[in-house]
Amino acid sequence: MTAKTATASSRDNVLSALREKPEGLTSAELNARFPRLGYDRMDDIIQALYDDGLVGLDTVSEPGRARWKA
């Protein structure tokens, strides 16, 4: 598997995980679910998904806790 394929696969896995949870997932929950990615790589994936308009950040539903939603 090439690095590009691994990145696309990780991105798809993270997006699928977010789509499975309509209430969204926190960054900590995502990192717990995908520990092999590490915090920096997870941040890169989330930022790319956000930049592409595929995920959003919900800061209103639960004060004090931000959740990523697909």
C-alpha atoms as a PDB file:
ATOM      1  CA  MET A   1       0.000   0.000   0.000  1.00  0.00           C
ATOM      2  CA  THR A   2       1.434   3.358  -0.944  1.00  0.00           C
ATOM      3  CA  ALA A   3       1.407   6.382   1.361  1.00  0.00           C
ATOM      4  CA  LYS A   4      -1.213   8.034  -0.848  1.00  0.00           C
ATOM      5  CA  THR A   5      -3.452   4.953  -0.696  1.00  0.00           C
ATOM      6  CA  ALA A   6      -2.994   4.710   3.078  1.00  0.00           C
ATOM      7  CA  THR A   7      -3.942   8.380   3.453  1.00  0.00           C
ATOM      8  CA  ALA A   8      -7.065   7.966   1.323  1.00  0.00           C
ATOM      9  CA  SER A   9      -8.024   4.839   3.265  1.00  0.00           C
ATOM     10  CA  SER A  10      -7.528   6.567   6.633  1.00  0.00           C
ATOM     11  CA  ARG A  11      -9.527   9.560   5.447  1.00  0.00           C
ATOM     12  CA  ASP A  12     -12.364   7.300   4.282  1.00  0.00           C
ATOM     13  CA  ASN A  13     -12.326   5.389   7.583  1.00  0.00           C
ATOM     14  CA  VAL A  14     -12.530   8.592   9.631  1.00  0.00           C
ATOM     15  CA  LEU A  15     -15.334   9.968   7.457  1.00  0.00           C
ATOM     16  CA  SER A  16     -17.243   6.673   7.755  1.00  0.00           C
ATOM     17  CA  ALA A  17     -16.872   6.732  11.541  1.00  0.00           C
ATOM     18  CA  LEU A  18     -18.289  10.254  11.646  1.00  0.00           C
ATOM     19  CA  ARG A  19     -21.193   9.315   9.388  1.00  0.00           C
ATOM     20  CA  GLU A  20     -22.058   6.402  11.707  1.00  0.00           C
ATOM     21  CA  LYS A  21     -22.511   8.794  14.644  1.00  0.00           C
ATOM     22  CA  PRO A  22     -25.088  11.502  13.887  1.00  0.00           C
ATOM     23  CA  GLU A  23     -24.261  13.168  17.223  1.00  0.00           C
ATOM     24  CA  GLY A  24     -20.639  13.492  16.084  1.00  0.00           C
ATOM     25  CA  LEU A  25     -17.354  12.565  17.719  1.00  0.00           C
ATOM     26  CA  THR A  26     -14.866  14.631  19.686  1.00  0.00           C
ATOM     27  CA  SER A  27     -11.222  14.748  18.654  1.00  0.00           C
ATOM     28  CA  ALA A  28     -10.396  12.569  21.662  1.00  0.00           C
ATOM     29  CA  GLU A  29     -13.003   9.985  20.606  1.00  0.00           C
ATOM     30  CA  LEU A  30     -11.608   9.929  17.066  1.00  0.00           C
ATOM     31  CA  ASN A  31      -8.062   9.495  18.360  1.00  0.00           C
ATOM     32  CA  ALA A  32      -9.196   6.658  20.633  1.00  0.00           C
ATOM     33  CA  ARG A  33     -10.917   4.978  17.707  1.00  0.00           C
ATOM     34  CA  PHE A  34      -7.886   5.318  15.413  1.00  0.00           C
ATOM     35  CA  PRO A  35      -4.849   5.290  17.754  1.00  0.00           C
ATOM     36  CA  ARG A  36      -2.387   4.258  15.056  1.00  0.00           C
ATOM     37  CA  LEU A  37      -2.925   7.527  13.180  1.00  0.00           C
ATOM     38  CA  GLY A  38      -1.635   9.690  16.019  1.00  0.00           C
ATOM     39  CA  TYR A  39      -2.851  13.154  16.948  1.00  0.00           C
ATOM     40  CA  ASP A  40      -0.988  15.070  14.238  1.00  0.00           C
ATOM     41  CA  ARG A  41      -2.140  12.803  11.408  1.00  0.00           C
ATOM     42  CA  MET A  42      -5.717  12.846  12.739  1.00  0.00           C
ATOM     43  CA  ASP A  43      -5.637  16.653  12.812  1.00  0.00           C
ATOM     44  CA  ASP A  44      -4.442  16.681   9.188  1.00  0.00           C
ATOM     45  CA  ILE A  45      -7.263  14.341   8.129  1.00  0.00           C
ATOM     46  CA  ILE A  46      -9.952  16.286   9.988  1.00  0.00           C
ATOM     47  CA  GLN A  47      -8.654  19.588   8.590  1.00  0.00           C
ATOM     48  CA  ALA A  48      -8.712  18.189   5.043  1.00  0.00           C
ATOM     49  CA  LEU A  49     -12.276  16.882   5.506  1.00  0.00           C
ATOM     50  CA  TYR A  50     -13.309  20.264   6.939  1.00  0.00           C
ATOM     51  CA  ASP A  51     -11.641  22.153   4.068  1.00  0.00           C
ATOM     52  CA  ASP A  52     -13.504  19.934   1.585  1.00  0.00           C
ATOM     53  CA  GLY A  53     -16.808  20.710   3.316  1.00  0.00           C
ATOM     54  CA  LEU A  54     -17.382  17.083   4.335  1.00  0.00           C
ATOM     55  CA  VAL A  55     -17.401  17.679   8.092  1.00  0.00           C
ATOM     56  CA  GLY A  56     -18.333  20.502  10.404  1.00  0.00           C
ATOM     57  CA  LEU A  57     -17.649  21.388  14.004  1.00  0.00           C
ATOM     58  CA  ASP A  58     -20.607  21.507  16.384  1.00  0.00           C
ATOM     59  CA  THR A  59     -19.887  23.699  19.395  1.00  0.00           C
ATOM     60  CA  VAL A  60     -23.493  24.535  20.274  1.00  0.00           C
ATOM     61  CA  SER A  61     -25.263  21.244  21.075  1.00  0.00           C
ATOM     62  CA  GLU A  62     -23.112  20.453  24.081  1.00  0.00           C
ATOM     63  CA  PRO A  63     -21.514  23.529  25.693  1.00  0.00           C
ATOM     64  CA  GLY A  64     -17.864  23.017  26.495  1.00  0.00           C
ATOM     65  CA  ARG A  65     -17.464  20.105  24.085  1.00  0.00           C
ATOM     66  CA  ALA A  66     -16.821  20.385  20.359  1.00  0.00           C
ATOM     67  CA  ARG A  67     -17.916  17.495  18.152  1.00  0.00           C
ATOM     68  CA  TRP A  68     -16.974  16.805  14.558  1.00  0.00           C
ATOM     69  CA  LYS A  69     -20.001  15.902  12.434  1.00  0.00           C
ATOM     70  CA  ALA A  70     -20.278  14.575   8.894  1.00  0.00           C
END
